């Protein structure tokens, strides 16, 4: 990805708002693996991790907070 794909930011925003990749994927009508793959694409673009992932959901990293 050579320039930002605005859809990736929309997906990021949904995950940040819900605190869950699974819930965001359901809301967005997409599969959890697809959403996770797209988030990794955004993390590669910004060259930073955006979420701490845990079994209870996700929390924004400092870089994620800054982006949000």
C-alpha atoms as a PDB file:
ATOM      1  CA  UNK A   1       0.000   0.000   0.000  1.00  0.00           C
ATOM      2  CA  UNK A   2       1.754   3.141  -1.155  1.00  0.00           C
ATOM      3  CA  UNK A   3      -0.838   5.609   0.078  1.00  0.00           C
ATOM      4  CA  UNK A   4      -3.445   5.439   2.788  1.00  0.00           C
ATOM      5  CA  UNK A   5      -6.615   3.579   1.934  1.00  0.00           C
ATOM      6  CA  UNK A   6      -9.322   5.528   3.772  1.00  0.00           C
ATOM      7  CA  UNK A   7     -11.365   2.355   4.207  1.00  0.00           C
ATOM      8  CA  UNK A   8      -8.633   1.005   6.496  1.00  0.00           C
ATOM      9  CA  UNK A   9      -9.122   4.004   8.780  1.00  0.00           C
ATOM     10  CA  UNK A  10     -12.876   3.348   8.831  1.00  0.00           C
ATOM     11  CA  UNK A  11     -12.220  -0.238   9.901  1.00  0.00           C
ATOM     12  CA  UNK A  12      -9.704   0.923  12.523  1.00  0.00           C
ATOM     13  CA  UNK A  13     -12.276   3.353  13.898  1.00  0.00           C
ATOM     14  CA  UNK A  14     -14.906   0.611  14.220  1.00  0.00           C
ATOM     15  CA  UNK A  15     -12.522  -1.622  16.166  1.00  0.00           C
ATOM     16  CA  UNK A  16     -11.410   1.260  18.399  1.00  0.00           C
ATOM     17  CA  UNK A  17     -15.055   2.159  19.106  1.00  0.00           C
ATOM     18  CA  UNK A  18     -16.227  -1.384  19.888  1.00  0.00           C
ATOM     19  CA  UNK A  19     -13.054  -2.602  21.613  1.00  0.00           C
ATOM     20  CA  UNK A  20     -13.405  -5.878  19.743  1.00  0.00           C
ATOM     21  CA  UNK A  21     -12.357  -7.139  16.328  1.00  0.00           C
ATOM     22  CA  UNK A  22     -15.197  -9.688  16.425  1.00  0.00           C
ATOM     23  CA  UNK A  23     -17.900  -7.107  17.260  1.00  0.00           C
ATOM     24  CA  UNK A  24     -16.554  -4.654  14.692  1.00  0.00           C
ATOM     25  CA  UNK A  25     -16.471  -7.377  12.036  1.00  0.00           C
ATOM     26  CA  UNK A  26     -20.108  -8.257  12.769  1.00  0.00           C
ATOM     27  CA  UNK A  27     -21.137  -4.589  12.563  1.00  0.00           C
ATOM     28  CA  UNK A  28     -19.235  -4.140   9.321  1.00  0.00           C
ATOM     29  CA  UNK A  29     -20.587  -7.343   7.773  1.00  0.00           C
ATOM     30  CA  UNK A  30     -17.192  -8.923   7.256  1.00  0.00           C
ATOM     31  CA  UNK A  31     -15.299 -11.874   8.696  1.00  0.00           C
ATOM     32  CA  UNK A  32     -12.994 -11.481  11.684  1.00  0.00           C
ATOM     33  CA  UNK A  33      -9.982 -12.888   9.779  1.00  0.00           C
ATOM     34  CA  UNK A  34     -10.508 -10.391   6.950  1.00  0.00           C
ATOM     35  CA  UNK A  35     -10.775  -7.486   9.380  1.00  0.00           C
ATOM     36  CA  UNK A  36      -7.657  -8.625  11.252  1.00  0.00           C
ATOM     37  CA  UNK A  37      -5.770  -8.854   7.965  1.00  0.00           C
ATOM     38  CA  UNK A  38      -6.866  -5.323   7.004  1.00  0.00           C
ATOM     39  CA  UNK A  39      -5.789  -3.975  10.428  1.00  0.00           C
ATOM     40  CA  UNK A  40      -2.351  -5.547   9.933  1.00  0.00           C
ATOM     41  CA  UNK A  41      -2.188  -3.760   6.575  1.00  0.00           C
ATOM     42  CA  UNK A  42      -2.861  -0.427   8.311  1.00  0.00           C
ATOM     43  CA  UNK A  43      -0.290  -1.219  11.006  1.00  0.00           C
ATOM     44  CA  UNK A  44       2.289  -1.883   8.285  1.00  0.00           C
ATOM     45  CA  UNK A  45       1.374   1.419   6.617  1.00  0.00           C
ATOM     46  CA  UNK A  46       1.781   3.475   9.812  1.00  0.00           C
ATOM     47  CA  UNK A  47       4.732   1.284  10.879  1.00  0.00           C
ATOM     48  CA  UNK A  48       3.394   0.801  14.397  1.00  0.00           C
ATOM     49  CA  UNK A  49       1.122  -1.547  16.376  1.00  0.00           C
ATOM     50  CA  UNK A  50      -2.285   0.060  16.899  1.00  0.00           C
ATOM     51  CA  UNK A  51      -3.885  -2.371  19.347  1.00  0.00           C
ATOM     52  CA  UNK A  52      -2.978  -4.593  22.252  1.00  0.00           C
ATOM     53  CA  UNK A  53      -4.817  -7.805  21.537  1.00  0.00           C
ATOM     54  CA  UNK A  54      -6.179  -9.939  24.385  1.00  0.00           C
ATOM     55  CA  UNK A  55      -8.850 -12.582  24.821  1.00  0.00           C
ATOM     56  CA  UNK A  56     -11.172  -9.917  26.265  1.00  0.00           C
ATOM     57  CA  UNK A  57     -10.835  -7.654  23.227  1.00  0.00           C
ATOM     58  CA  UNK A  58      -8.451  -4.935  22.122  1.00  0.00           C
ATOM     59  CA  UNK A  59      -7.092  -1.719  23.583  1.00  0.00           C
ATOM     60  CA  UNK A  60      -5.379   1.061  21.695  1.00  0.00           C
ATOM     61  CA  UNK A  61      -1.608   1.392  21.934  1.00  0.00           C
ATOM     62  CA  UNK A  62      -0.186   4.894  22.286  1.00  0.00           C
ATOM     63  CA  UNK A  63       0.222   4.970  18.499  1.00  0.00           C
ATOM     64  CA  UNK A  64      -3.398   3.842  18.157  1.00  0.00           C
ATOM     65  CA  UNK A  65      -4.520   6.614  20.514  1.00  0.00           C
ATOM     66  CA  UNK A  66      -2.564   9.148  18.478  1.00  0.00           C
ATOM     67  CA  UNK A  67      -4.129   7.915  15.233  1.00  0.00           C
ATOM     68  CA  UNK A  68      -7.599   7.828  16.708  1.00  0.00           C
END
